Amino acid sequence: VSLRCWYYHSYAFSTVWNIYSQWVQGDKYLKQVHDLSMMVFDQVSRRYVQRELDISEFASDEAFRKKYDAGIETTVGTASVLNDYLAARGIRLLVVYIPSPAEVYIDDWAKLLDRGTGSDASIGKLMSPYMTGLKIPYLDLTNRFRGIRITEAPLYLMFDPHFSSTGHRFTARWIADFLRENKPLDAEHGTET
């Protein structure tokens, strides 16, 4: 499986784009991305982090759940409806949770900003029991990204929460592996696809 997109092909493109935007838009651009004096470069994630970043939601699973519960309920409801729709047509739904940069690097950023430590809270972890209850195959990539966050950085673009080419490559590999290991049965023919 290969994901190719001109925007993500090069990590350097993000940097070049930001320099170009700053040159063209001047002060307007700086206001959009915040004053760089309010940011610090994180050597682990190879991203800029706001010095005043609010990480209180990561203090505990309870704080995290409180902030994201409504969104998780909406997502689970949508997945349930979509799963029923697809199942009626003999198609199996797979839900893949892709973590935000903050979910992957929270411990590193908490140390960098001298705010103690983060937690293992993640939306993916909170969604897992719901997907299990709905019997929807589910792949949470949070811990996988946390596991390679240092050795494979940068996983995300420098000023942007989207994946770098490395992040795309690992995501594609993990989804392909999951599909190979969990070959769904073809509902019409009763055979593996």
C-alpha atoms as a PDB file:
ATOM      1  CA  VAL A   1       0.000   0.000   0.000  1.00  0.00           C
ATOM      2  CA  SER A   2       1.406   3.365  -0.928  1.00  0.00           C
ATOM      3  CA  LEU A   3       0.060   6.835  -0.275  1.00  0.00           C
ATOM      4  CA  ARG A   4       1.442   9.496  -2.599  1.00  0.00           C
ATOM      5  CA  CYS A   5       0.421  13.124  -2.388  1.00  0.00           C
ATOM      6  CA  TRP A   6       2.503  16.039  -3.659  1.00  0.00           C
ATOM      7  CA  TYR A   7       1.806  18.057  -0.504  1.00  0.00           C
ATOM      8  CA  TYR A   8       3.154  15.422   1.870  1.00  0.00           C
ATOM      9  CA  HIS A   9       5.882  14.011  -0.348  1.00  0.00           C
ATOM     10  CA  SER A  10       8.484  16.252   1.176  1.00  0.00           C
ATOM     11  CA  TYR A  11       8.725  17.356   4.775  1.00  0.00           C
ATOM     12  CA  ALA A  12      10.727  20.316   3.508  1.00  0.00           C
ATOM     13  CA  PHE A  13       7.706  21.522   1.535  1.00  0.00           C
ATOM     14  CA  SER A  14       5.996  22.530   4.775  1.00  0.00           C
ATOM     15  CA  THR A  15       8.939  24.722   5.724  1.00  0.00           C
ATOM     16  CA  VAL A  16       9.218  26.248   2.248  1.00  0.00           C
ATOM     17  CA  TRP A  17       5.466  26.915   2.169  1.00  0.00           C
ATOM     18  CA  ASN A  18       5.608  28.666   5.534  1.00  0.00           C
ATOM     19  CA  ILE A  19       8.536  30.846   4.430  1.00  0.00           C
ATOM     20  CA  TYR A  20       6.728  31.714   1.192  1.00  0.00           C
ATOM     21  CA  SER A  21       3.512  32.530   3.096  1.00  0.00           C
ATOM     22  CA  GLN A  22       5.423  34.765   5.478  1.00  0.00           C
ATOM     23  CA  TRP A  23       7.113  36.555   2.589  1.00  0.00           C
ATOM     24  CA  VAL A  24       3.839  37.107   0.689  1.00  0.00           C
ATOM     25  CA  GLN A  25       1.572  37.913   3.658  1.00  0.00           C
ATOM     26  CA  GLY A  26       4.086  39.533   6.014  1.00  0.00           C
ATOM     27  CA  ASP A  27       2.626  40.538   9.386  1.00  0.00           C
ATOM     28  CA  LYS A  28      -0.730  38.991   8.556  1.00  0.00           C
ATOM     29  CA  TYR A  29       0.944  35.580   8.329  1.00  0.00           C
ATOM     30  CA  LEU A  30       2.762  35.999  11.642  1.00  0.00           C
ATOM     31  CA  LYS A  31      -0.531  36.759  13.358  1.00  0.00           C
ATOM     32  CA  GLN A  32      -2.013  33.601  11.839  1.00  0.00           C
ATOM     33  CA  VAL A  33       0.697  31.257  13.101  1.00  0.00           C
ATOM     34  CA  HIS A  34       1.376  33.216  16.299  1.00  0.00           C
ATOM     35  CA  ASP A  35       4.464  35.156  17.107  1.00  0.00           C
ATOM     36  CA  LEU A  36       7.442  32.808  16.879  1.00  0.00           C
ATOM     37  CA  SER A  37       8.694  34.192  20.184  1.00  0.00           C
ATOM     38  CA  MET A  38       5.637  32.463  21.670  1.00  0.00           C
ATOM     39  CA  MET A  39       6.809  29.140  20.253  1.00  0.00           C
ATOM     40  CA  VAL A  40       9.589  26.732  21.091  1.00  0.00           C
ATOM     41  CA  PHE A  41      11.103  24.066  18.850  1.00  0.00           C
ATOM     42  CA  ASP A  42      10.770  20.528  20.166  1.00  0.00           C
ATOM     43  CA  GLN A  43      13.751  18.360  19.174  1.00  0.00           C
ATOM     44  CA  VAL A  44      11.793  15.140  19.691  1.00  0.00           C
ATOM     45  CA  SER A  45       8.796  15.871  17.457  1.00  0.00           C
ATOM     46  CA  ARG A  46      10.741  18.317  15.272  1.00  0.00           C
ATOM     47  CA  ARG A  47       7.777  20.680  15.489  1.00  0.00           C
ATOM     48  CA  TYR A  48       7.147  24.096  16.943  1.00  0.00           C
ATOM     49  CA  VAL A  49       5.026  24.113  20.107  1.00  0.00           C
ATOM     50  CA  GLN A  50       3.251  27.109  21.623  1.00  0.00           C
ATOM     51  CA  ARG A  51       4.847  28.088  24.927  1.00  0.00           C
ATOM     52  CA  GLU A  52       1.381  28.651  26.416  1.00  0.00           C
ATOM     53  CA  LEU A  53      -0.042  25.376  25.119  1.00  0.00           C
ATOM     54  CA  ASP A  54      -2.885  24.213  27.378  1.00  0.00           C
ATOM     55  CA  ILE A  55      -2.236  20.564  28.207  1.00  0.00           C
ATOM     56  CA  SER A  56      -4.638  20.376  31.150  1.00  0.00           C
ATOM     57  CA  GLU A  57      -6.909  18.015  29.214  1.00  0.00           C
ATOM     58  CA  PHE A  58      -4.148  15.407  29.437  1.00  0.00           C
ATOM     59  CA  ALA A  59      -3.999  15.571  33.252  1.00  0.00           C
ATOM     60  CA  SER A  60      -6.171  12.464  33.547  1.00  0.00           C
ATOM     61  CA  ASP A  61      -8.438  10.208  31.555  1.00  0.00           C
ATOM     62  CA  GLU A  62     -11.377  11.881  33.318  1.00  0.00           C
ATOM     63  CA  ALA A  63     -10.324  15.389  32.196  1.00  0.00           C
ATOM     64  CA  PHE A  64      -9.765  14.086  28.683  1.00  0.00           C
ATOM     65  CA  ARG A  65     -13.136  12.324  28.586  1.00  0.00           C
ATOM     66  CA  LYS A  66     -14.908  15.452  29.854  1.00  0.00           C
ATOM     67  CA  LYS A  67     -13.505  17.534  27.001  1.00  0.00           C
ATOM     68  CA  TYR A  68     -14.112  15.034  24.186  1.00  0.00           C
ATOM     69  CA  ASP A  69     -17.126  12.978  25.308  1.00  0.00           C
ATOM     70  CA  ALA A  70     -19.682  14.732  23.088  1.00  0.00           C
ATOM     71  CA  GLY A  71     -17.488  14.364  20.012  1.00  0.00           C
ATOM     72  CA  ILE A  72     -16.834  10.709  20.759  1.00  0.00           C
ATOM     73  CA  GLU A  73     -20.569  10.036  21.150  1.00  0.00           C
ATOM     74  CA  THR A  74     -21.250  11.687  17.788  1.00  0.00           C
ATOM     75  CA  THR A  75     -18.455   9.705  16.128  1.00  0.00           C
ATOM     76  CA  VAL A  76     -19.642   6.413  17.623  1.00  0.00           C
ATOM     77  CA  GLY A  77     -23.237   7.143  16.572  1.00  0.00           C
ATOM     78  CA  THR A  78     -22.099   7.882  13.027  1.00  0.00           C
ATOM     79  CA  ALA A  79     -19.952   4.730  12.930  1.00  0.00           C
ATOM     80  CA  SER A  80     -22.922   2.661  14.138  1.00  0.00           C
ATOM     81  CA  VAL A  81     -25.241   3.997  11.418  1.00  0.00           C
ATOM     82  CA  LEU A  82     -22.551   3.595   8.756  1.00  0.00           C
ATOM     83  CA  ASN A  83     -21.770   0.064   9.954  1.00  0.00           C
ATOM     84  CA  ASP A  84     -25.447  -0.953   9.713  1.00  0.00           C
ATOM     85  CA  TYR A  85     -25.738   0.600   6.251  1.00  0.00           C
ATOM     86  CA  LEU A  86     -22.631  -1.188   4.983  1.00  0.00           C
ATOM     87  CA  ALA A  87     -23.478  -4.509   6.680  1.00  0.00           C
ATOM     88  CA  ALA A  88     -26.837  -4.539   4.855  1.00  0.00           C
ATOM     89  CA  ARG A  89     -24.810  -4.469   1.642  1.00  0.00           C
ATOM     90  CA  GLY A  90     -22.327  -7.134   2.705  1.00  0.00           C
ATOM     91  CA  ILE A  91     -19.508  -4.672   3.389  1.00  0.00           C
ATOM     92  CA  ARG A  92     -17.473  -4.650   6.588  1.00  0.00           C
ATOM     93  CA  LEU A  93     -16.479  -1.310   8.132  1.00  0.00           C
ATOM     94  CA  LEU A  94     -13.012  -0.740   9.579  1.00  0.00           C
ATOM     95  CA  VAL A  95     -12.476   2.279  11.833  1.00  0.00           C
ATOM     96  CA  VAL A  96      -8.906   3.561  12.133  1.00  0.00           C
ATOM     97  CA  TYR A  97      -8.086   6.180  14.750  1.00  0.00           C
ATOM     98  CA  ILE A  98      -5.244   8.502  13.781  1.00  0.00           C
ATOM     99  CA  PRO A  99      -3.916  10.498  16.749  1.00  0.00           C
ATOM    100  CA  SER A 100      -3.208  14.215  16.827  1.00  0.00           C
ATOM    101  CA  PRO A 101       0.384  15.382  17.341  1.00  0.00           C
ATOM    102  CA  ALA A 102      -0.509  16.340  20.932  1.00  0.00           C
ATOM    103  CA  GLU A 103      -1.691  12.802  21.711  1.00  0.00           C
ATOM    104  CA  VAL A 104       1.584  11.362  20.416  1.00  0.00           C
ATOM    105  CA  TYR A 105       3.997  13.895  21.947  1.00  0.00           C
ATOM    106  CA  ILE A 106       2.211  14.978  25.149  1.00  0.00           C
ATOM    107  CA  ASP A 107       4.895  13.615  27.499  1.00  0.00           C
ATOM    108  CA  ASP A 108       7.674  15.264  25.518  1.00  0.00           C
ATOM    109  CA  TRP A 109       5.835  18.587  25.320  1.00  0.00           C
ATOM    110  CA  ALA A 110       4.939  18.531  29.032  1.00  0.00           C
ATOM    111  CA  LYS A 111       8.655  18.149  29.867  1.00  0.00           C
ATOM    112  CA  LEU A 112       9.701  20.746  27.286  1.00  0.00           C
ATOM    113  CA  LEU A 113       7.232  23.283  28.699  1.00  0.00           C
ATOM    114  CA  ASP A 114       8.105  22.294  32.286  1.00  0.00           C
ATOM    115  CA  ARG A 115       4.565  21.199  33.090  1.00  0.00           C
ATOM    116  CA  GLY A 116       5.172  17.814  34.646  1.00  0.00           C
ATOM    117  CA  THR A 117       4.157  14.797  32.650  1.00  0.00           C
ATOM    118  CA  GLY A 118       1.259  14.026  30.400  1.00  0.00           C
ATOM    119  CA  SER A 119      -0.893  10.930  30.515  1.00  0.00           C
ATOM    120  CA  ASP A 120      -1.720   8.123  28.164  1.00  0.00           C
ATOM    121  CA  ALA A 121      -5.128   9.689  27.497  1.00  0.00           C
ATOM    122  CA  SER A 122      -6.281   9.538  23.902  1.00  0.00           C
ATOM    123  CA  ILE A 123      -9.491   9.691  21.963  1.00  0.00           C
ATOM    124  CA  GLY A 124      -8.554   6.369  20.397  1.00  0.00           C
ATOM    125  CA  LYS A 125      -8.409   4.673  23.796  1.00  0.00           C
ATOM    126  CA  LEU A 126     -11.790   6.140  24.770  1.00  0.00           C
ATOM    127  CA  MET A 127     -13.409   4.972  21.513  1.00  0.00           C
ATOM    128  CA  SER A 128     -12.135   1.395  21.717  1.00  0.00           C
ATOM    129  CA  PRO A 129     -14.828  -0.051  24.047  1.00  0.00           C
ATOM    130  CA  TYR A 130     -17.557   1.503  21.892  1.00  0.00           C
ATOM    131  CA  MET A 131     -16.169  -0.080  18.719  1.00  0.00           C
ATOM    132  CA  THR A 132     -15.814  -3.425  20.506  1.00  0.00           C
ATOM    133  CA  GLY A 133     -19.427  -3.172  21.672  1.00  0.00           C
ATOM    134  CA  LEU A 134     -20.563  -2.480  18.108  1.00  0.00           C
ATOM    135  CA  LYS A 135     -18.365  -5.340  16.810  1.00  0.00           C
ATOM    136  CA  ILE A 136     -16.647  -2.970  14.402  1.00  0.00           C
ATOM    137  CA  PRO A 137     -13.037  -3.818  13.579  1.00  0.00           C
ATOM    138  CA  TYR A 138     -10.981  -1.023  15.102  1.00  0.00           C
ATOM    139  CA  LEU A 139      -7.370   0.028  14.808  1.00  0.00           C
ATOM    140  CA  ASP A 140      -6.072   2.703  17.185  1.00  0.00           C
ATOM    141  CA  LEU A 141      -2.688   3.979  15.976  1.00  0.00           C
ATOM    142  CA  THR A 142      -1.939   6.136  19.035  1.00  0.00           C
ATOM    143  CA  ASN A 143       0.411   3.754  20.848  1.00  0.00           C
ATOM    144  CA  ARG A 144       2.096   2.749  17.603  1.00  0.00           C
ATOM    145  CA  PHE A 145       2.926   6.379  16.873  1.00  0.00           C
ATOM    146  CA  ARG A 146       4.034   6.946  20.453  1.00  0.00           C
ATOM    147  CA  GLY A 147       6.369   3.985  20.042  1.00  0.00           C
ATOM    148  CA  ILE A 148       8.156   5.433  16.993  1.00  0.00           C
ATOM    149  CA  ARG A 149       7.840   9.128  17.830  1.00  0.00           C
ATOM    150  CA  ILE A 150      11.564   9.548  18.515  1.00  0.00           C
ATOM    151  CA  THR A 151      13.177   7.150  16.057  1.00  0.00           C
ATOM    152  CA  GLU A 152      11.034   8.072  13.055  1.00  0.00           C
ATOM    153  CA  ALA A 153      10.403  11.802  13.596  1.00  0.00           C
ATOM    154  CA  PRO A 154       9.133  13.898  12.012  1.00  0.00           C
ATOM    155  CA  LEU A 155       5.783  12.139  11.845  1.00  0.00           C
ATOM    156  CA  TYR A 156       3.840  15.370  11.320  1.00  0.00           C
ATOM    157  CA  LEU A 157       4.552  18.552   9.391  1.00  0.00           C
ATOM    158  CA  MET A 158       6.383  21.279  11.294  1.00  0.00           C
ATOM    159  CA  PHE A 159       3.583  23.869  11.574  1.00  0.00           C
ATOM    160  CA  ASP A 160       0.696  21.687  10.540  1.00  0.00           C
ATOM    161  CA  PRO A 161      -1.109  18.783  12.255  1.00  0.00           C
ATOM    162  CA  HIS A 162      -1.053  16.655   9.090  1.00  0.00           C
ATOM    163  CA  PHE A 163       1.307  13.750   8.538  1.00  0.00           C
ATOM    164  CA  SER A 164       4.718  14.019   6.977  1.00  0.00           C
ATOM    165  CA  SER A 165       5.562  11.417   4.330  1.00  0.00           C
ATOM    166  CA  THR A 166       6.910   9.252   7.178  1.00  0.00           C
ATOM    167  CA  GLY A 167       3.600   9.447   9.053  1.00  0.00           C
ATOM    168  CA  HIS A 168       1.722   8.473   5.891  1.00  0.00           C
ATOM    169  CA  ARG A 169       4.075   5.568   5.187  1.00  0.00           C
ATOM    170  CA  PHE A 170       3.675   4.063   8.664  1.00  0.00           C
ATOM    171  CA  THR A 171      -0.104   4.562   8.648  1.00  0.00           C
ATOM    172  CA  ALA A 172      -0.415   2.807   5.289  1.00  0.00           C
ATOM    173  CA  ARG A 173       1.814  -0.048   6.471  1.00  0.00           C
ATOM    174  CA  TRP A 174      -0.139  -0.570   9.708  1.00  0.00           C
ATOM    175  CA  ILE A 175      -3.516  -0.511   7.954  1.00  0.00           C
ATOM    176  CA  ALA A 176      -2.268  -2.970   5.312  1.00  0.00           C
ATOM    177  CA  ASP A 177      -0.893  -5.281   8.034  1.00  0.00           C
ATOM    178  CA  PHE A 178      -4.180  -5.079   9.956  1.00  0.00           C
ATOM    179  CA  LEU A 179      -6.164  -5.958   6.838  1.00  0.00           C
ATOM    180  CA  ARG A 180      -3.853  -8.902   6.041  1.00  0.00           C
ATOM    181  CA  GLU A 181      -4.115 -10.232   9.612  1.00  0.00           C
ATOM    182  CA  ASN A 182      -7.887  -9.708   9.868  1.00  0.00           C
ATOM    183  CA  LYS A 183      -9.175 -10.813   6.488  1.00  0.00           C
ATOM    184  CA  PRO A 184     -12.922 -10.262   6.634  1.00  0.00           C
ATOM    185  CA  LEU A 185     -15.246 -12.900   5.246  1.00  0.00           C
ATOM    186  CA  ASP A 186     -16.983 -12.059   2.008  1.00  0.00           C
ATOM    187  CA  ALA A 187     -20.624 -12.042   3.158  1.00  0.00           C
ATOM    188  CA  GLU A 188     -21.981 -13.185  -0.207  1.00  0.00           C
ATOM    189  CA  HIS A 189     -19.585 -16.060  -0.852  1.00  0.00           C
ATOM    190  CA  GLY A 190     -18.436 -16.950   2.661  1.00  0.00           C
ATOM    191  CA  THR A 191     -14.790 -16.829   1.605  1.00  0.00           C
ATOM    192  CA  GLU A 192     -11.870 -14.693   2.682  1.00  0.00           C
ATOM    193  CA  THR A 193     -11.242 -11.647   0.553  1.00  0.00           C
END
